[in-house]
N, C-alpha and C. Protein backbone atom coordinates (compact mmCIF):
# COMPACT_ATOMS: atom_id res chain seq x y z
N UNK A 1 -14.70 20.18 7.50
CA UNK A 1 -13.90 19.04 7.10
C UNK A 1 -12.92 19.45 6.01
N UNK A 2 -11.79 18.82 6.04
CA UNK A 2 -10.76 19.09 5.04
C UNK A 2 -10.79 18.03 3.94
N UNK A 3 -10.04 18.27 2.89
CA UNK A 3 -9.99 17.34 1.76
C UNK A 3 -9.61 15.93 2.21
N UNK A 4 -8.64 15.82 3.11
CA UNK A 4 -8.21 14.50 3.58
C UNK A 4 -9.36 13.75 4.24
N UNK A 5 -10.19 14.44 4.99
CA UNK A 5 -11.36 13.80 5.61
C UNK A 5 -12.31 13.24 4.55
N UNK A 6 -12.56 14.03 3.52
CA UNK A 6 -13.43 13.56 2.43
C UNK A 6 -12.83 12.34 1.74
N UNK A 7 -11.52 12.35 1.55
CA UNK A 7 -10.86 11.21 0.91
C UNK A 7 -10.97 9.95 1.77
N UNK A 8 -10.84 10.12 3.08
CA UNK A 8 -10.97 8.97 3.99
C UNK A 8 -12.37 8.38 3.89
N UNK A 9 -13.38 9.23 3.95
CA UNK A 9 -14.76 8.73 3.86
C UNK A 9 -15.06 8.14 2.48
N UNK A 10 -14.52 8.75 1.44
CA UNK A 10 -14.70 8.19 0.10
C UNK A 10 -14.11 6.78 0.03
N UNK A 11 -12.90 6.62 0.54
CA UNK A 11 -12.28 5.30 0.51
C UNK A 11 -13.03 4.31 1.41
N UNK A 12 -13.46 4.77 2.56
CA UNK A 12 -14.19 3.88 3.48
C UNK A 12 -15.49 3.39 2.85
N UNK A 13 -16.26 4.30 2.24
CA UNK A 13 -17.50 3.89 1.57
C UNK A 13 -17.21 2.98 0.38
N UNK A 14 -16.16 3.30 -0.36
CA UNK A 14 -15.79 2.47 -1.51
C UNK A 14 -15.52 1.03 -1.09
N UNK A 15 -14.73 0.86 -0.03
CA UNK A 15 -14.35 -0.49 0.37
C UNK A 15 -15.44 -1.19 1.17
N UNK A 16 -16.38 -0.44 1.70
CA UNK A 16 -17.57 -1.07 2.27
C UNK A 16 -18.33 -1.76 1.13
N UNK A 17 -18.49 -1.05 0.03
CA UNK A 17 -19.14 -1.62 -1.16
C UNK A 17 -18.30 -2.75 -1.75
N UNK A 18 -17.00 -2.52 -1.96
CA UNK A 18 -16.14 -3.53 -2.58
C UNK A 18 -16.07 -4.80 -1.74
N UNK A 19 -15.99 -4.64 -0.43
CA UNK A 19 -15.89 -5.79 0.46
C UNK A 19 -17.13 -6.66 0.39
N UNK A 20 -18.31 -6.03 0.48
CA UNK A 20 -19.56 -6.79 0.37
C UNK A 20 -19.70 -7.41 -1.02
N UNK A 21 -19.31 -6.66 -2.03
CA UNK A 21 -19.36 -7.17 -3.40
C UNK A 21 -18.47 -8.39 -3.56
N UNK A 22 -17.30 -8.31 -2.98
CA UNK A 22 -16.34 -9.41 -3.06
C UNK A 22 -16.90 -10.67 -2.41
N UNK A 23 -17.63 -10.51 -1.34
CA UNK A 23 -18.17 -11.66 -0.61
C UNK A 23 -19.47 -12.19 -1.22
N UNK A 24 -20.24 -11.34 -1.88
CA UNK A 24 -21.62 -11.72 -2.18
C UNK A 24 -21.99 -11.80 -3.66
N UNK A 25 -21.18 -11.29 -4.57
CA UNK A 25 -21.63 -11.25 -5.95
C UNK A 25 -20.98 -12.32 -6.82
N UNK A 26 -21.75 -12.79 -7.75
CA UNK A 26 -21.26 -13.77 -8.72
C UNK A 26 -20.16 -13.17 -9.59
N UNK A 27 -20.32 -11.89 -9.94
CA UNK A 27 -19.32 -11.22 -10.76
C UNK A 27 -17.94 -11.28 -10.11
N UNK A 28 -17.86 -10.97 -8.82
CA UNK A 28 -16.55 -11.00 -8.15
C UNK A 28 -16.04 -12.42 -7.98
N UNK A 29 -16.94 -13.38 -7.79
CA UNK A 29 -16.50 -14.77 -7.72
C UNK A 29 -15.82 -15.16 -9.03
N UNK A 30 -16.43 -14.78 -10.14
CA UNK A 30 -15.85 -15.09 -11.45
C UNK A 30 -14.56 -14.31 -11.70
N UNK A 31 -14.50 -13.08 -11.23
CA UNK A 31 -13.27 -12.28 -11.39
C UNK A 31 -12.10 -12.92 -10.64
N UNK A 32 -12.34 -13.38 -9.43
CA UNK A 32 -11.26 -14.00 -8.66
C UNK A 32 -10.81 -15.32 -9.30
N UNK A 33 -11.72 -16.02 -9.94
CA UNK A 33 -11.32 -17.21 -10.71
C UNK A 33 -10.43 -16.77 -11.87
N UNK A 34 -10.83 -15.70 -12.55
CA UNK A 34 -10.03 -15.19 -13.68
C UNK A 34 -8.64 -14.75 -13.21
N UNK A 35 -8.56 -14.19 -12.01
CA UNK A 35 -7.26 -13.77 -11.47
C UNK A 35 -6.41 -14.96 -11.06
N UNK A 36 -7.03 -16.13 -10.92
CA UNK A 36 -6.32 -17.29 -10.39
C UNK A 36 -6.23 -17.26 -8.87
N UNK A 37 -7.16 -16.55 -8.24
CA UNK A 37 -7.13 -16.35 -6.79
C UNK A 37 -8.47 -16.69 -6.14
N UNK A 38 -9.14 -17.70 -6.63
CA UNK A 38 -10.47 -18.03 -6.13
C UNK A 38 -10.49 -18.26 -4.62
N UNK A 39 -9.45 -18.87 -4.09
CA UNK A 39 -9.41 -19.18 -2.65
C UNK A 39 -9.19 -17.94 -1.79
N UNK A 40 -8.71 -16.86 -2.37
CA UNK A 40 -8.43 -15.64 -1.60
C UNK A 40 -9.59 -14.64 -1.61
N UNK A 41 -10.67 -14.93 -2.32
CA UNK A 41 -11.76 -13.97 -2.47
C UNK A 41 -12.40 -13.60 -1.13
N UNK A 42 -12.75 -14.58 -0.34
CA UNK A 42 -13.41 -14.28 0.94
C UNK A 42 -12.48 -13.53 1.88
N UNK A 43 -11.23 -13.95 1.95
CA UNK A 43 -10.26 -13.26 2.80
C UNK A 43 -10.12 -11.80 2.36
N UNK A 44 -10.02 -11.59 1.05
CA UNK A 44 -9.89 -10.23 0.52
C UNK A 44 -11.10 -9.38 0.89
N UNK A 45 -12.29 -9.92 0.74
CA UNK A 45 -13.50 -9.19 1.10
C UNK A 45 -13.56 -8.84 2.57
N UNK A 46 -13.16 -9.77 3.42
CA UNK A 46 -13.16 -9.51 4.87
C UNK A 46 -12.14 -8.44 5.22
N UNK A 47 -10.95 -8.51 4.63
CA UNK A 47 -9.93 -7.48 4.88
C UNK A 47 -10.44 -6.11 4.43
N UNK A 48 -11.08 -6.06 3.27
CA UNK A 48 -11.61 -4.79 2.78
C UNK A 48 -12.66 -4.23 3.74
N UNK A 49 -13.54 -5.08 4.23
CA UNK A 49 -14.57 -4.62 5.18
C UNK A 49 -13.96 -4.16 6.49
N UNK A 50 -12.98 -4.90 7.00
CA UNK A 50 -12.34 -4.51 8.26
C UNK A 50 -11.59 -3.19 8.11
N UNK A 51 -10.91 -3.01 7.00
CA UNK A 51 -10.19 -1.75 6.78
C UNK A 51 -11.17 -0.60 6.58
N UNK A 52 -12.28 -0.85 5.91
CA UNK A 52 -13.31 0.17 5.77
C UNK A 52 -13.83 0.59 7.14
N UNK A 53 -14.12 -0.40 7.97
CA UNK A 53 -14.57 -0.12 9.33
C UNK A 53 -13.51 0.66 10.11
N UNK A 54 -12.25 0.28 9.95
CA UNK A 54 -11.16 1.00 10.61
C UNK A 54 -11.08 2.45 10.18
N UNK A 55 -11.30 2.71 8.90
CA UNK A 55 -11.29 4.10 8.42
C UNK A 55 -12.45 4.88 9.02
N UNK A 56 -13.65 4.29 9.01
CA UNK A 56 -14.82 4.97 9.59
C UNK A 56 -14.62 5.27 11.07
N UNK A 57 -14.28 4.24 11.84
CA UNK A 57 -14.13 4.41 13.29
C UNK A 57 -12.98 5.37 13.60
N UNK A 58 -11.87 5.18 12.91
CA UNK A 58 -10.71 6.05 13.14
C UNK A 58 -11.01 7.51 12.84
N UNK A 59 -11.72 7.76 11.75
CA UNK A 59 -12.04 9.14 11.37
C UNK A 59 -13.07 9.75 12.32
N UNK A 60 -14.10 8.99 12.65
CA UNK A 60 -15.17 9.53 13.50
C UNK A 60 -14.68 9.74 14.93
N UNK A 61 -13.93 8.77 15.46
CA UNK A 61 -13.48 8.83 16.86
C UNK A 61 -12.11 9.50 17.00
N UNK A 62 -11.57 9.98 15.90
CA UNK A 62 -10.26 10.63 15.90
C UNK A 62 -9.16 9.71 16.46
N UNK A 63 -9.18 8.46 16.01
CA UNK A 63 -8.15 7.49 16.38
C UNK A 63 -7.20 7.40 15.18
N UNK A 64 -6.22 8.26 15.18
CA UNK A 64 -5.39 8.43 13.99
C UNK A 64 -4.56 7.20 13.64
N UNK A 65 -4.07 6.47 14.65
CA UNK A 65 -3.28 5.28 14.34
C UNK A 65 -4.14 4.22 13.65
N UNK A 66 -5.45 4.20 13.96
CA UNK A 66 -6.35 3.25 13.31
C UNK A 66 -6.55 3.61 11.84
N UNK A 67 -6.66 4.90 11.55
CA UNK A 67 -6.75 5.34 10.16
C UNK A 67 -5.49 4.92 9.41
N UNK A 68 -4.33 5.11 10.03
CA UNK A 68 -3.07 4.71 9.41
C UNK A 68 -3.05 3.21 9.11
N UNK A 69 -3.41 2.40 10.09
CA UNK A 69 -3.38 0.94 9.90
C UNK A 69 -4.38 0.49 8.84
N UNK A 70 -5.58 1.05 8.86
CA UNK A 70 -6.59 0.67 7.87
C UNK A 70 -6.16 1.08 6.46
N UNK A 71 -5.66 2.29 6.31
CA UNK A 71 -5.21 2.75 5.00
C UNK A 71 -4.01 1.94 4.52
N UNK A 72 -3.11 1.58 5.45
CA UNK A 72 -1.96 0.76 5.08
C UNK A 72 -2.40 -0.63 4.62
N UNK A 73 -3.38 -1.20 5.32
CA UNK A 73 -3.91 -2.50 4.90
C UNK A 73 -4.50 -2.44 3.51
N UNK A 74 -5.26 -1.39 3.23
CA UNK A 74 -5.84 -1.25 1.90
C UNK A 74 -4.78 -0.98 0.85
N UNK A 75 -3.72 -0.27 1.23
CA UNK A 75 -2.62 -0.06 0.29
C UNK A 75 -2.05 -1.39 -0.17
N UNK A 76 -1.78 -2.29 0.77
CA UNK A 76 -1.18 -3.58 0.40
C UNK A 76 -2.16 -4.45 -0.39
N UNK A 77 -3.43 -4.43 -0.02
CA UNK A 77 -4.43 -5.20 -0.77
C UNK A 77 -4.51 -4.68 -2.21
N UNK A 78 -4.56 -3.37 -2.37
CA UNK A 78 -4.72 -2.81 -3.71
C UNK A 78 -3.43 -2.88 -4.52
N UNK A 79 -2.29 -2.80 -3.85
CA UNK A 79 -1.03 -2.99 -4.57
C UNK A 79 -0.98 -4.41 -5.14
N UNK A 80 -1.37 -5.38 -4.33
CA UNK A 80 -1.43 -6.77 -4.81
C UNK A 80 -2.43 -6.88 -5.96
N UNK A 81 -3.57 -6.21 -5.82
CA UNK A 81 -4.57 -6.22 -6.89
C UNK A 81 -4.05 -5.62 -8.18
N UNK A 82 -3.30 -4.54 -8.07
CA UNK A 82 -2.72 -3.91 -9.25
C UNK A 82 -1.69 -4.82 -9.90
N UNK A 83 -0.86 -5.46 -9.09
CA UNK A 83 0.15 -6.39 -9.62
C UNK A 83 -0.53 -7.56 -10.33
N UNK A 84 -1.60 -8.08 -9.75
CA UNK A 84 -2.35 -9.17 -10.40
C UNK A 84 -2.89 -8.70 -11.74
N UNK A 85 -3.43 -7.49 -11.79
CA UNK A 85 -3.95 -6.95 -13.05
C UNK A 85 -2.85 -6.87 -14.11
N UNK A 86 -1.65 -6.46 -13.69
CA UNK A 86 -0.54 -6.42 -14.64
C UNK A 86 -0.16 -7.83 -15.09
N UNK A 87 -0.14 -8.75 -14.14
CA UNK A 87 0.25 -10.14 -14.44
C UNK A 87 -0.69 -10.79 -15.44
N UNK A 88 -1.98 -10.55 -15.32
CA UNK A 88 -2.94 -11.17 -16.24
C UNK A 88 -3.16 -10.30 -17.48
N UNK A 89 -2.39 -9.25 -17.58
CA UNK A 89 -2.37 -8.38 -18.75
C UNK A 89 -3.71 -7.68 -19.03
N UNK A 90 -4.35 -7.25 -17.95
CA UNK A 90 -5.53 -6.40 -18.13
C UNK A 90 -5.06 -5.06 -18.68
N UNK A 91 -5.87 -4.44 -19.45
CA UNK A 91 -5.52 -3.14 -20.02
C UNK A 91 -5.53 -2.04 -18.97
N UNK A 92 -5.16 -0.85 -19.40
CA UNK A 92 -5.08 0.30 -18.50
C UNK A 92 -6.44 0.60 -17.86
N UNK A 93 -7.50 0.51 -18.65
CA UNK A 93 -8.83 0.82 -18.14
C UNK A 93 -9.25 -0.08 -16.99
N UNK A 94 -8.92 -1.37 -17.08
CA UNK A 94 -9.27 -2.30 -16.01
C UNK A 94 -8.29 -2.21 -14.84
N UNK A 95 -7.07 -1.79 -15.10
CA UNK A 95 -6.05 -1.71 -14.05
C UNK A 95 -6.07 -0.39 -13.29
N UNK A 96 -6.59 0.65 -13.92
CA UNK A 96 -6.53 1.98 -13.31
C UNK A 96 -7.21 2.07 -11.95
N UNK A 97 -8.41 1.50 -11.74
CA UNK A 97 -9.01 1.62 -10.41
C UNK A 97 -8.12 1.05 -9.30
N UNK A 98 -7.47 -0.07 -9.56
CA UNK A 98 -6.57 -0.65 -8.55
C UNK A 98 -5.40 0.30 -8.28
N UNK A 99 -4.85 0.90 -9.33
CA UNK A 99 -3.76 1.86 -9.15
C UNK A 99 -4.26 3.09 -8.39
N UNK A 100 -5.43 3.59 -8.74
CA UNK A 100 -6.00 4.75 -8.07
C UNK A 100 -6.15 4.50 -6.57
N UNK A 101 -6.76 3.37 -6.20
CA UNK A 101 -6.97 3.08 -4.78
C UNK A 101 -5.66 2.75 -4.06
N UNK A 102 -4.69 2.22 -4.78
CA UNK A 102 -3.36 2.01 -4.19
C UNK A 102 -2.76 3.35 -3.79
N UNK A 103 -2.80 4.30 -4.71
CA UNK A 103 -2.22 5.62 -4.45
C UNK A 103 -3.02 6.39 -3.41
N UNK A 104 -4.34 6.28 -3.44
CA UNK A 104 -5.17 6.95 -2.44
C UNK A 104 -4.88 6.41 -1.05
N UNK A 105 -4.78 5.10 -0.93
CA UNK A 105 -4.47 4.48 0.37
C UNK A 105 -3.10 4.91 0.87
N UNK A 106 -2.14 4.95 -0.04
CA UNK A 106 -0.79 5.39 0.33
C UNK A 106 -0.81 6.84 0.80
N UNK A 107 -1.55 7.69 0.11
CA UNK A 107 -1.65 9.10 0.49
C UNK A 107 -2.25 9.26 1.89
N UNK A 108 -3.31 8.53 2.16
CA UNK A 108 -3.94 8.61 3.48
C UNK A 108 -3.00 8.08 4.55
N UNK A 109 -2.39 6.92 4.32
CA UNK A 109 -1.46 6.35 5.30
C UNK A 109 -0.29 7.29 5.55
N UNK A 110 0.25 7.87 4.49
CA UNK A 110 1.38 8.80 4.63
C UNK A 110 1.00 9.99 5.52
N UNK A 111 -0.20 10.49 5.36
CA UNK A 111 -0.63 11.65 6.15
C UNK A 111 -0.91 11.31 7.60
N UNK A 112 -1.02 10.03 7.93
CA UNK A 112 -1.28 9.62 9.31
C UNK A 112 -0.10 8.87 9.92
N UNK A 113 1.02 8.82 9.21
CA UNK A 113 2.20 8.09 9.69
C UNK A 113 2.72 8.64 11.02
N UNK A 114 2.69 9.93 11.19
CA UNK A 114 3.22 10.56 12.40
C UNK A 114 2.44 10.21 13.66
N UNK A 115 1.28 9.60 13.51
CA UNK A 115 0.44 9.29 14.67
C UNK A 115 0.71 7.91 15.26
N UNK A 116 1.70 7.22 14.74
CA UNK A 116 2.02 5.90 15.30
C UNK A 116 2.69 6.02 16.64
C-alpha cells in the first residue's frame, strides 16, 4: 500500500467515528447548537457516514470515481465546518481539525480527479 491508500483509510475510519458521533452523542448535539446549526446535525452525520462508506468501498473495490466523490463530499462538509468555526470565532486549536480534514479531503479528491 502507498501513502495515499493509508490516508484514504485514515479519513474513512475518522469519518465513520465522526458520523456516528454526530448522530449519537450529546456532546455533538450541544456543539451543533453552539454552531447555530442544530437542524443540520443529523444530515451532517449521515453525509459523513455515506462518504466514509464511499471511501472504504471505493478503496477496497478499486472504484476510483467513488473515492473521488466521497472525498469531494467530505471536502465540502469540512470546508463548511471550518468556515463555521471561523464565524463563531473558535481559536486555532478548535479550528485546526476542520482545516486538516478539509485539506486531506482535497488532497485525496485531487489525486482521484483523473478517474472521472
